[in-house]
């Protein structure tokens, strides 16, 4: 599925950024959970 318009590349870039943001949020949440006592999970 080849396309000459720049939209797919832009979408891929947005997807990569979203994925990076998601991974960052997950690691941040994991750090917060580690910092808190075991029984406490939001």
PDB file of N, CA and C in Angstrom:
ATOM      1  N   UNK A   1       0.859  -1.192   0.000  1.00  0.00           N
ATOM      2  CA  UNK A   1       0.000   0.000   0.000  1.00  0.00           C
ATOM      3  C   UNK A   1       0.899   1.247   0.000  1.00  0.00           C
ATOM      4  N   UNK A   2       1.296   1.677  -1.189  1.00  0.00           N
ATOM      5  CA  UNK A   2       2.192   2.824  -1.309  1.00  0.00           C
ATOM      6  C   UNK A   2       1.392   4.096  -1.570  1.00  0.00           C
ATOM      7  N   UNK A   3       1.824   5.171  -0.941  1.00  0.00           N
ATOM      8  CA  UNK A   3       1.158   6.453  -1.123  1.00  0.00           C
ATOM      9  C   UNK A   3       2.205   7.547  -1.256  1.00  0.00           C
ATOM     10  N   UNK A   4       1.954   8.499  -2.147  1.00  0.00           N
ATOM     11  CA  UNK A   4       2.935   9.562  -2.378  1.00  0.00           C
ATOM     12  C   UNK A   4       2.721  10.729  -1.425  1.00  0.00           C
ATOM     13  N   UNK A   5       1.560  10.783  -0.770  1.00  0.00           N
ATOM     14  CA  UNK A   5       1.280  11.900   0.126  1.00  0.00           C
ATOM     15  C   UNK A   5       1.991  11.703   1.469  1.00  0.00           C
ATOM     16  N   UNK A   6       2.328  12.798   2.151  1.00  0.00           N
ATOM     17  CA  UNK A   6       3.112  12.739   3.385  1.00  0.00           C
ATOM     18  C   UNK A   6       2.318  12.327   4.624  1.00  0.00           C
ATOM     19  N   UNK A   7       1.045  12.020   4.459  1.00  0.00           N
ATOM     20  CA  UNK A   7       0.201  11.721   5.615  1.00  0.00           C
ATOM     21  C   UNK A   7       0.636  10.448   6.358  1.00  0.00           C
ATOM     22  N   UNK A   8       0.923   9.336   5.660  1.00  0.00           N
ATOM     23  CA  UNK A   8       1.317   8.115   6.371  1.00  0.00           C
ATOM     24  C   UNK A   8       2.567   8.330   7.231  1.00  0.00           C
ATOM     25  N   UNK A   9       3.526   9.076   6.717  1.00  0.00           N
ATOM     26  CA  UNK A   9       4.755   9.340   7.465  1.00  0.00           C
ATOM     27  C   UNK A   9       4.425  10.157   8.713  1.00  0.00           C
ATOM     28  N   UNK A  10       3.560  11.128   8.553  1.00  0.00           N
ATOM     29  CA  UNK A  10       3.147  11.965   9.686  1.00  0.00           C
ATOM     30  C   UNK A  10       2.426  11.112  10.728  1.00  0.00           C
ATOM     31  N   UNK A  11       1.543  10.235  10.248  1.00  0.00           N
ATOM     32  CA  UNK A  11       0.805   9.367  11.160  1.00  0.00           C
ATOM     33  C   UNK A  11       1.751   8.435  11.900  1.00  0.00           C
ATOM     34  N   UNK A  12       2.776   7.954  11.198  1.00  0.00           N
ATOM     35  CA  UNK A  12       3.749   7.069  11.826  1.00  0.00           C
ATOM     36  C   UNK A  12       4.504   7.828  12.914  1.00  0.00           C
ATOM     37  N   UNK A  13       4.848   9.080  12.611  1.00  0.00           N
ATOM     38  CA  UNK A  13       5.555   9.904  13.587  1.00  0.00           C
ATOM     39  C   UNK A  13       4.685  10.116  14.826  1.00  0.00           C
ATOM     40  N   UNK A  14       3.409  10.432  14.591  1.00  0.00           N
ATOM     41  CA  UNK A  14       2.476  10.638  15.708  1.00  0.00           C
ATOM     42  C   UNK A  14       2.337   9.353  16.519  1.00  0.00           C
ATOM     43  N   UNK A  15       2.279   8.222  15.817  1.00  0.00           N
ATOM     44  CA  UNK A  15       2.154   6.934  16.494  1.00  0.00           C
ATOM     45  C   UNK A  15       3.367   6.641  17.360  1.00  0.00           C
ATOM     46  N   UNK A  16       4.550   6.960  16.838  1.00  0.00           N
ATOM     47  CA  UNK A  16       5.778   6.747  17.588  1.00  0.00           C
ATOM     48  C   UNK A  16       5.793   7.619  18.836  1.00  0.00           C
ATOM     49  N   UNK A  17       5.374   8.868  18.671  1.00  0.00           N
ATOM     50  CA  UNK A  17       5.343   9.790  19.815  1.00  0.00           C
ATOM     51  C   UNK A  17       4.340   9.313  20.859  1.00  0.00           C
ATOM     52  N   UNK A  18       3.183   8.850  20.386  1.00  0.00           N
ATOM     53  CA  UNK A  18       2.158   8.368  21.308  1.00  0.00           C
ATOM     54  C   UNK A  18       2.667   7.144  22.065  1.00  0.00           C
ATOM     55  N   UNK A  19       3.368   6.249  21.336  1.00  0.00           N
ATOM     56  CA  UNK A  19       3.902   5.040  21.953  1.00  0.00           C
ATOM     57  C   UNK A  19       4.938   5.400  23.011  1.00  0.00           C
ATOM     58  N   UNK A  20       5.790   6.368  22.689  1.00  0.00           N
ATOM     59  CA  UNK A  20       6.830   6.803  23.626  1.00  0.00           C
ATOM     60  C   UNK A  20       6.183   7.418  24.869  1.00  0.00           C
ATOM     61  N   UNK A  21       5.149   8.225  24.656  1.00  0.00           N
ATOM     62  CA  UNK A  21       4.450   8.848  25.776  1.00  0.00           C
ATOM     63  C   UNK A  21       3.791   7.807  26.661  1.00  0.00           C
ATOM     64  N   UNK A  22       3.228   6.788  26.004  1.00  0.00           N
ATOM     65  CA  UNK A  22       2.564   5.722  26.748  1.00  0.00           C
ATOM     66  C   UNK A  22       3.580   4.964  27.593  1.00  0.00           C
ATOM     67  N   UNK A  23       4.727   4.635  26.995  1.00  0.00           N
ATOM     68  CA  UNK A  23       5.775   3.914  27.723  1.00  0.00           C
ATOM     69  C   UNK A  23       6.265   4.746  28.902  1.00  0.00           C
ATOM     70  N   UNK A  24       6.386   6.058  28.673  1.00  0.00           N
ATOM     71  CA  UNK A  24       6.838   6.964  29.731  1.00  0.00           C
ATOM     72  C   UNK A  24       5.831   6.965  30.885  1.00  0.00           C
ATOM     73  N   UNK A  25       4.563   7.020  30.534  1.00  0.00           N
ATOM     74  CA  UNK A  25       3.513   7.033  31.554  1.00  0.00           C
ATOM     75  C   UNK A  25       3.522   5.731  32.352  1.00  0.00           C
ATOM     76  N   UNK A  26       3.740   4.628  31.651  1.00  0.00           N
ATOM     77  CA  UNK A  26       3.760   3.320  32.316  1.00  0.00           C
ATOM     78  C   UNK A  26       4.923   3.233  33.300  1.00  0.00           C
ATOM     79  N   UNK A  27       6.096   3.676  32.866  1.00  0.00           N
ATOM     80  CA  UNK A  27       7.262   3.621  33.755  1.00  0.00           C
ATOM     81  C   UNK A  27       7.071   4.561  34.938  1.00  0.00           C
ATOM     82  N   UNK A  28       6.463   5.713  34.687  1.00  0.00           N
ATOM     83  CA  UNK A  28       6.209   6.674  35.759  1.00  0.00           C
ATOM     84  C   UNK A  28       5.258   6.067  36.785  1.00  0.00           C
ATOM     85  N   UNK A  29       4.203   5.428  36.294  1.00  0.00           N
ATOM     86  CA  UNK A  29       3.226   4.804  37.182  1.00  0.00           C
ATOM     87  C   UNK A  29       3.884   3.683  37.985  1.00  0.00           C
ATOM     88  N   UNK A  30       4.775   2.947  37.317  1.00  0.00           N
ATOM     89  CA  UNK A  30       5.473   1.843  37.977  1.00  0.00           C
ATOM     90  C   UNK A  30       6.370   2.380  39.093  1.00  0.00           C
ATOM     91  N   UNK A  31       7.051   3.495  38.806  1.00  0.00           N
ATOM     92  CA  UNK A  31       7.915   4.106  39.819  1.00  0.00           C
ATOM     93  C   UNK A  31       7.087   4.570  41.010  1.00  0.00           C
ATOM     94  N   UNK A  32       5.942   5.169  40.729  1.00  0.00           N
ATOM     95  CA  UNK A  32       5.071   5.647  41.799  1.00  0.00           C
ATOM     96  C   UNK A  32       4.589   4.472  42.656  1.00  0.00           C
ATOM     97  N   UNK A  33       4.273   3.376  41.989  1.00  0.00           N
ATOM     98  CA  UNK A  33       3.770   2.211  42.706  1.00  0.00           C
ATOM     99  C   UNK A  33       4.869   1.635  43.596  1.00  0.00           C
ATOM    100  N   UNK A  34       6.112   1.653  43.090  1.00  0.00           N
ATOM    101  CA  UNK A  34       7.235   1.139  43.883  1.00  0.00           C
ATOM    102  C   UNK A  34       7.497   2.033  45.089  1.00  0.00           C
ATOM    103  N   UNK A  35       7.284   3.345  44.889  1.00  0.00           N
ATOM    104  CA  UNK A  35       7.543   4.295  45.967  1.00  0.00           C
ATOM    105  C   UNK A  35       6.500   4.165  47.080  1.00  0.00           C
ATOM    106  N   UNK A  36       5.316   3.684  46.727  1.00  0.00           N
ATOM    107  CA  UNK A  36       4.237   3.555  47.702  1.00  0.00           C
ATOM    108  C   UNK A  36       4.306   2.194  48.390  1.00  0.00           C
ATOM    109  N   UNK A  37       3.706   2.068  49.576  1.00  0.00           N
ATOM    110  CA  UNK A  37       3.618   0.772  50.251  1.00  0.00           C
ATOM    111  C   UNK A  37       2.864  -0.256  49.407  1.00  0.00           C
ATOM    112  N   UNK A  38       3.164  -1.521  49.624  1.00  0.00           N
ATOM    113  CA  UNK A  38       2.667  -2.592  48.769  1.00  0.00           C
ATOM    114  C   UNK A  38       1.146  -2.640  48.649  1.00  0.00           C
ATOM    115  N   UNK A  39       0.442  -2.452  49.768  1.00  0.00           N
ATOM    116  CA  UNK A  39      -1.003  -2.627  49.746  1.00  0.00           C
ATOM    117  C   UNK A  39      -1.748  -1.519  49.014  1.00  0.00           C
ATOM    118  N   UNK A  40      -1.033  -0.449  48.702  1.00  0.00           N
ATOM    119  CA  UNK A  40      -1.726   0.716  48.147  1.00  0.00           C
ATOM    120  C   UNK A  40      -1.549   0.796  46.643  1.00  0.00           C
ATOM    121  N   UNK A  41      -2.646   0.577  45.910  1.00  0.00           N
ATOM    122  CA  UNK A  41      -2.625   0.693  44.445  1.00  0.00           C
ATOM    123  C   UNK A  41      -3.808   1.532  44.011  1.00  0.00           C
ATOM    124  N   UNK A  42      -3.525   2.561  43.223  1.00  0.00           N
ATOM    125  CA  UNK A  42      -4.601   3.438  42.767  1.00  0.00           C
ATOM    126  C   UNK A  42      -5.478   2.708  41.774  1.00  0.00           C
TER     127      UNK A  42
END
